[in-house]
């Protein structure tokens, strides 16, 4: 039988580790909080961070929820955009509206 050669993007694992360390959460605890069995949680999270496996989008959403980050952050391969995603997610609705207005006005100046 042929072996599956699915290519795993390392971005998810790198962002997962970054978000986990940001909240000072061990791999096993993250896994359990996201719904994994305690016996396998550390190994599973380690495999995700090491880009050996990639979770389903449904489980990625659970991980993001536990970590307090938007799921988009976990898949973002641009460092600046990833920081923008984190910053935007921590803003109030008023701040978000003001930011979008500022960006819109700025875009009009450069067109």
N, C-alpha and C. Protein backbone atom coordinates (compact mmCIF):
# COMPACT_ATOMS: atom_id res chain seq x y z
N UNK A 1 0.83 -1.18 0.00
CA UNK A 1 0.00 0.00 0.00
C UNK A 1 0.88 1.25 0.00
N UNK A 2 0.52 2.25 -0.80
CA UNK A 2 1.30 3.48 -0.81
C UNK A 2 1.11 4.26 0.49
N UNK A 3 2.15 4.88 0.93
CA UNK A 3 2.11 5.70 2.13
C UNK A 3 1.61 7.09 1.75
N UNK A 4 0.72 7.64 2.56
CA UNK A 4 0.21 8.98 2.31
C UNK A 4 1.34 9.99 2.45
N UNK A 5 1.42 10.89 1.50
CA UNK A 5 2.48 11.89 1.55
C UNK A 5 1.90 13.30 1.67
N UNK A 6 0.90 13.43 2.53
CA UNK A 6 0.29 14.73 2.75
C UNK A 6 1.34 15.67 3.34
N UNK A 7 1.48 16.83 2.73
CA UNK A 7 2.44 17.81 3.20
C UNK A 7 1.78 18.67 4.27
N UNK A 8 2.43 18.75 5.42
CA UNK A 8 1.92 19.54 6.53
C UNK A 8 2.62 20.89 6.52
N UNK A 9 1.83 21.94 6.58
CA UNK A 9 2.37 23.30 6.63
C UNK A 9 2.86 23.57 8.05
N UNK A 10 4.11 23.94 8.23
CA UNK A 10 4.64 24.16 9.58
C UNK A 10 4.10 25.40 10.28
N UNK A 11 3.40 26.26 9.55
CA UNK A 11 2.88 27.49 10.15
C UNK A 11 1.96 27.20 11.32
N UNK A 12 1.05 26.26 11.16
CA UNK A 12 0.10 25.96 12.23
C UNK A 12 0.83 25.58 13.51
N UNK A 13 1.79 24.69 13.41
CA UNK A 13 2.52 24.25 14.59
C UNK A 13 3.29 25.36 15.27
N UNK A 14 3.90 26.22 14.45
CA UNK A 14 4.66 27.34 14.99
C UNK A 14 3.75 28.32 15.72
N UNK A 15 2.62 28.62 15.11
CA UNK A 15 1.66 29.55 15.74
C UNK A 15 1.02 28.93 16.99
N UNK A 16 0.75 27.62 16.93
CA UNK A 16 0.17 26.95 18.09
C UNK A 16 1.13 27.05 19.28
N UNK A 17 2.39 26.76 19.04
CA UNK A 17 3.39 26.85 20.10
C UNK A 17 3.50 28.30 20.61
N UNK A 18 3.52 29.25 19.71
CA UNK A 18 3.61 30.66 20.09
C UNK A 18 2.44 31.05 20.99
N UNK A 19 1.24 30.67 20.60
CA UNK A 19 0.05 31.01 21.38
C UNK A 19 0.04 30.28 22.73
N UNK A 20 0.47 29.03 22.73
CA UNK A 20 0.51 28.25 23.98
C UNK A 20 1.50 28.86 24.97
N UNK A 21 2.68 29.22 24.49
CA UNK A 21 3.70 29.82 25.37
C UNK A 21 3.27 31.20 25.86
N UNK A 22 2.52 31.89 25.01
CA UNK A 22 2.02 33.22 25.37
C UNK A 22 1.14 33.18 26.61
N UNK A 23 0.40 32.09 26.79
CA UNK A 23 -0.47 31.95 27.96
C UNK A 23 0.12 30.99 28.99
N UNK A 24 1.38 30.60 28.76
CA UNK A 24 2.11 29.76 29.72
C UNK A 24 1.37 28.47 30.07
N UNK A 25 0.96 27.76 29.03
CA UNK A 25 0.18 26.54 29.21
C UNK A 25 0.99 25.33 28.72
N UNK A 26 1.17 24.32 29.54
CA UNK A 26 1.88 23.12 29.07
C UNK A 26 1.08 22.38 28.01
N UNK A 27 1.77 21.61 27.19
CA UNK A 27 1.11 20.88 26.11
C UNK A 27 0.00 19.97 26.62
N UNK A 28 0.26 19.22 27.68
CA UNK A 28 -0.75 18.28 28.17
C UNK A 28 -2.01 19.00 28.66
N UNK A 29 -1.84 20.12 29.33
CA UNK A 29 -2.99 20.88 29.84
C UNK A 29 -3.80 21.48 28.69
N UNK A 30 -3.12 22.01 27.68
CA UNK A 30 -3.82 22.54 26.51
C UNK A 30 -4.67 21.46 25.87
N UNK A 31 -4.08 20.30 25.68
CA UNK A 31 -4.82 19.20 25.06
C UNK A 31 -6.06 18.82 25.84
N UNK A 32 -5.93 18.69 27.14
CA UNK A 32 -7.07 18.32 27.99
C UNK A 32 -8.15 19.41 27.94
N UNK A 33 -7.74 20.66 28.05
CA UNK A 33 -8.72 21.76 28.00
C UNK A 33 -9.45 21.83 26.66
N UNK A 34 -8.78 21.37 25.60
CA UNK A 34 -9.40 21.39 24.27
C UNK A 34 -10.21 20.12 24.00
N UNK A 35 -10.17 19.17 24.93
CA UNK A 35 -11.01 17.99 24.79
C UNK A 35 -10.31 16.68 24.49
N UNK A 36 -8.98 16.67 24.53
CA UNK A 36 -8.25 15.43 24.29
C UNK A 36 -8.18 14.60 25.56
N UNK A 37 -7.98 13.30 25.38
CA UNK A 37 -7.78 12.40 26.50
C UNK A 37 -6.47 12.75 27.20
N UNK A 38 -6.47 12.73 28.50
CA UNK A 38 -5.29 13.12 29.27
C UNK A 38 -4.06 12.27 28.94
N UNK A 39 -4.27 11.01 28.65
CA UNK A 39 -3.15 10.10 28.39
C UNK A 39 -2.41 10.43 27.09
N UNK A 40 -3.10 11.01 26.14
CA UNK A 40 -2.47 11.27 24.84
C UNK A 40 -2.34 12.75 24.49
N UNK A 41 -2.81 13.62 25.38
CA UNK A 41 -2.87 15.04 25.03
C UNK A 41 -1.51 15.66 24.76
N UNK A 42 -0.52 15.38 25.57
CA UNK A 42 0.80 15.98 25.38
C UNK A 42 1.42 15.54 24.06
N UNK A 43 1.32 14.25 23.75
CA UNK A 43 1.89 13.73 22.49
C UNK A 43 1.18 14.33 21.28
N UNK A 44 -0.14 14.46 21.36
CA UNK A 44 -0.89 15.02 20.22
C UNK A 44 -0.51 16.47 19.98
N UNK A 45 -0.45 17.27 21.03
CA UNK A 45 -0.09 18.68 20.87
C UNK A 45 1.34 18.79 20.36
N UNK A 46 2.22 17.94 20.86
CA UNK A 46 3.61 17.94 20.38
C UNK A 46 3.68 17.64 18.89
N UNK A 47 2.87 16.72 18.43
CA UNK A 47 2.84 16.38 16.99
C UNK A 47 2.29 17.53 16.15
N UNK A 48 1.32 18.24 16.69
CA UNK A 48 0.81 19.41 15.98
C UNK A 48 1.87 20.50 15.90
N UNK A 49 2.52 20.76 17.03
CA UNK A 49 3.56 21.80 17.06
C UNK A 49 4.76 21.44 16.19
N UNK A 50 5.06 20.16 16.10
CA UNK A 50 6.20 19.71 15.30
C UNK A 50 5.86 19.49 13.84
N UNK A 51 4.65 19.81 13.45
CA UNK A 51 4.18 19.67 12.06
C UNK A 51 4.25 18.22 11.58
N UNK A 52 4.07 17.29 12.51
CA UNK A 52 3.96 15.88 12.14
C UNK A 52 2.53 15.59 11.71
N UNK A 53 1.59 16.19 12.41
CA UNK A 53 0.16 16.08 12.10
C UNK A 53 -0.45 17.48 12.15
N UNK A 54 -1.60 17.62 11.51
CA UNK A 54 -2.35 18.87 11.58
C UNK A 54 -3.77 18.52 11.98
N UNK A 55 -4.33 19.25 12.96
CA UNK A 55 -5.68 18.92 13.41
C UNK A 55 -6.73 19.36 12.40
N UNK A 56 -7.92 18.83 12.57
CA UNK A 56 -9.05 19.28 11.76
C UNK A 56 -9.32 20.75 12.10
N UNK A 57 -9.99 21.43 11.22
CA UNK A 57 -10.34 22.83 11.48
C UNK A 57 -11.23 22.92 12.72
N UNK A 58 -12.11 21.96 12.89
CA UNK A 58 -12.99 21.95 14.06
C UNK A 58 -12.16 21.90 15.35
N UNK A 59 -11.14 21.05 15.39
CA UNK A 59 -10.32 20.96 16.60
C UNK A 59 -9.41 22.18 16.72
N UNK A 60 -8.95 22.72 15.60
CA UNK A 60 -8.13 23.94 15.64
C UNK A 60 -8.93 25.07 16.28
N UNK A 61 -10.23 25.12 16.02
CA UNK A 61 -11.09 26.14 16.63
C UNK A 61 -11.15 25.95 18.15
N UNK A 62 -11.18 24.70 18.60
CA UNK A 62 -11.19 24.43 20.04
C UNK A 62 -9.87 24.87 20.67
N UNK A 63 -8.76 24.57 20.00
CA UNK A 63 -7.45 24.99 20.50
C UNK A 63 -7.38 26.52 20.59
N UNK A 64 -7.84 27.19 19.54
CA UNK A 64 -7.82 28.66 19.52
C UNK A 64 -8.67 29.23 20.65
N UNK A 65 -9.81 28.63 20.88
CA UNK A 65 -10.70 29.09 21.95
C UNK A 65 -10.00 28.98 23.31
N UNK A 66 -9.36 27.85 23.58
CA UNK A 66 -8.65 27.65 24.84
C UNK A 66 -7.51 28.66 24.98
N UNK A 67 -6.82 28.92 23.87
CA UNK A 67 -5.66 29.81 23.89
C UNK A 67 -6.04 31.30 23.84
N UNK A 68 -7.30 31.58 23.55
CA UNK A 68 -7.75 32.96 23.49
C UNK A 68 -7.26 33.72 22.28
N UNK A 69 -7.11 33.00 21.16
CA UNK A 69 -6.68 33.63 19.91
C UNK A 69 -7.68 33.29 18.82
N UNK A 70 -7.79 34.13 17.80
CA UNK A 70 -8.63 33.78 16.66
C UNK A 70 -8.00 32.60 15.90
N UNK A 71 -8.81 31.73 15.37
CA UNK A 71 -8.27 30.59 14.63
C UNK A 71 -7.44 31.05 13.44
N UNK A 72 -7.77 32.21 12.88
CA UNK A 72 -6.99 32.75 11.75
C UNK A 72 -5.53 32.95 12.12
N UNK A 73 -5.27 33.29 13.38
CA UNK A 73 -3.89 33.48 13.85
C UNK A 73 -3.09 32.19 13.67
N UNK A 74 -3.71 31.06 13.95
CA UNK A 74 -3.00 29.78 13.89
C UNK A 74 -2.59 29.39 12.46
N UNK A 75 -3.26 29.93 11.48
CA UNK A 75 -2.96 29.59 10.09
C UNK A 75 -2.22 30.70 9.33
N UNK A 76 -1.97 31.82 10.00
CA UNK A 76 -1.37 32.98 9.33
C UNK A 76 0.14 32.80 9.17
N UNK A 77 0.60 32.83 7.92
CA UNK A 77 2.04 32.62 7.68
C UNK A 77 2.84 33.91 7.59
N UNK A 78 2.19 35.05 7.76
CA UNK A 78 2.86 36.35 7.74
C UNK A 78 2.94 36.88 9.17
N UNK A 79 4.15 37.10 9.67
CA UNK A 79 4.33 37.51 11.07
C UNK A 79 3.64 38.83 11.40
N UNK A 80 3.74 39.80 10.53
CA UNK A 80 3.09 41.09 10.80
C UNK A 80 1.57 40.95 10.83
N UNK A 81 1.05 40.22 9.87
CA UNK A 81 -0.40 40.02 9.83
C UNK A 81 -0.87 39.24 11.05
N UNK A 82 -0.08 38.28 11.49
CA UNK A 82 -0.43 37.52 12.70
C UNK A 82 -0.53 38.45 13.90
N UNK A 83 0.40 39.38 14.02
CA UNK A 83 0.36 40.35 15.12
C UNK A 83 -0.86 41.26 14.99
N UNK A 84 -1.18 41.64 13.77
CA UNK A 84 -2.37 42.47 13.53
C UNK A 84 -3.63 41.71 13.95
N UNK A 85 -3.69 40.44 13.62
CA UNK A 85 -4.85 39.61 13.99
C UNK A 85 -5.00 39.57 15.51
N UNK A 86 -3.89 39.36 16.22
CA UNK A 86 -3.95 39.33 17.69
C UNK A 86 -4.38 40.68 18.26
N UNK A 87 -3.81 41.74 17.74
CA UNK A 87 -4.15 43.07 18.23
C UNK A 87 -5.61 43.39 17.96
N UNK A 88 -6.06 43.12 16.73
CA UNK A 88 -7.45 43.39 16.36
C UNK A 88 -8.42 42.60 17.24
N UNK A 89 -8.07 41.35 17.55
CA UNK A 89 -8.97 40.51 18.34
C UNK A 89 -9.11 41.01 19.78
N UNK A 90 -8.14 41.79 20.25
CA UNK A 90 -8.22 42.29 21.62
C UNK A 90 -8.87 43.67 21.71
N UNK A 91 -9.24 44.24 20.56
CA UNK A 91 -9.86 45.57 20.54
C UNK A 91 -11.36 45.49 20.80
N UNK A 92 -11.89 46.60 21.30
CA UNK A 92 -13.35 46.71 21.45
C UNK A 92 -13.96 46.93 20.06
N UNK A 93 -15.26 46.80 19.98
CA UNK A 93 -15.94 47.04 18.70
C UNK A 93 -15.74 48.49 18.24
N UNK A 94 -15.76 49.41 19.18
CA UNK A 94 -15.53 50.82 18.85
C UNK A 94 -14.13 51.00 18.25
N UNK A 95 -13.13 50.42 18.89
CA UNK A 95 -11.76 50.53 18.39
C UNK A 95 -11.63 49.89 17.01
N UNK A 96 -12.29 48.77 16.82
CA UNK A 96 -12.24 48.09 15.51
C UNK A 96 -12.83 48.98 14.42
N UNK A 97 -13.96 49.61 14.73
CA UNK A 97 -14.59 50.51 13.77
C UNK A 97 -13.70 51.69 13.43
N UNK A 98 -13.07 52.26 14.45
CA UNK A 98 -12.16 53.38 14.23
C UNK A 98 -10.95 52.96 13.39
N UNK A 99 -10.43 51.79 13.66
CA UNK A 99 -9.30 51.28 12.89
C UNK A 99 -9.68 51.08 11.42
N UNK A 100 -10.82 50.50 11.18
CA UNK A 100 -11.27 50.28 9.80
C UNK A 100 -11.49 51.61 9.08
N UNK A 101 -12.02 52.60 9.78
CA UNK A 101 -12.20 53.93 9.18
C UNK A 101 -10.85 54.54 8.82
N UNK A 102 -9.90 54.42 9.72
CA UNK A 102 -8.55 54.94 9.49
C UNK A 102 -7.90 54.26 8.27
N UNK A 103 -8.04 52.96 8.18
CA UNK A 103 -7.48 52.22 7.05
C UNK A 103 -8.15 52.65 5.75
N UNK A 104 -9.45 52.81 5.78
CA UNK A 104 -10.19 53.23 4.59
C UNK A 104 -9.73 54.61 4.13
N UNK A 105 -9.60 55.54 5.06
CA UNK A 105 -9.14 56.89 4.71
C UNK A 105 -7.71 56.84 4.17
N UNK A 106 -6.88 56.03 4.77
CA UNK A 106 -5.49 55.90 4.33
C UNK A 106 -5.41 55.32 2.91
N UNK A 107 -6.24 54.34 2.64
CA UNK A 107 -6.27 53.74 1.28
C UNK A 107 -6.69 54.76 0.23
N UNK A 108 -7.62 55.63 0.58
CA UNK A 108 -8.08 56.66 -0.36
C UNK A 108 -6.96 57.65 -0.68
N UNK A 109 -6.10 57.92 0.29
CA UNK A 109 -4.99 58.86 0.06
C UNK A 109 -3.98 58.29 -0.95
N UNK A 110 -3.83 56.99 -0.98
CA UNK A 110 -2.79 56.38 -1.82
C UNK A 110 -3.31 55.85 -3.15
N UNK A 111 -4.56 56.13 -3.45
CA UNK A 111 -5.11 55.64 -4.73
C UNK A 111 -5.02 56.71 -5.80
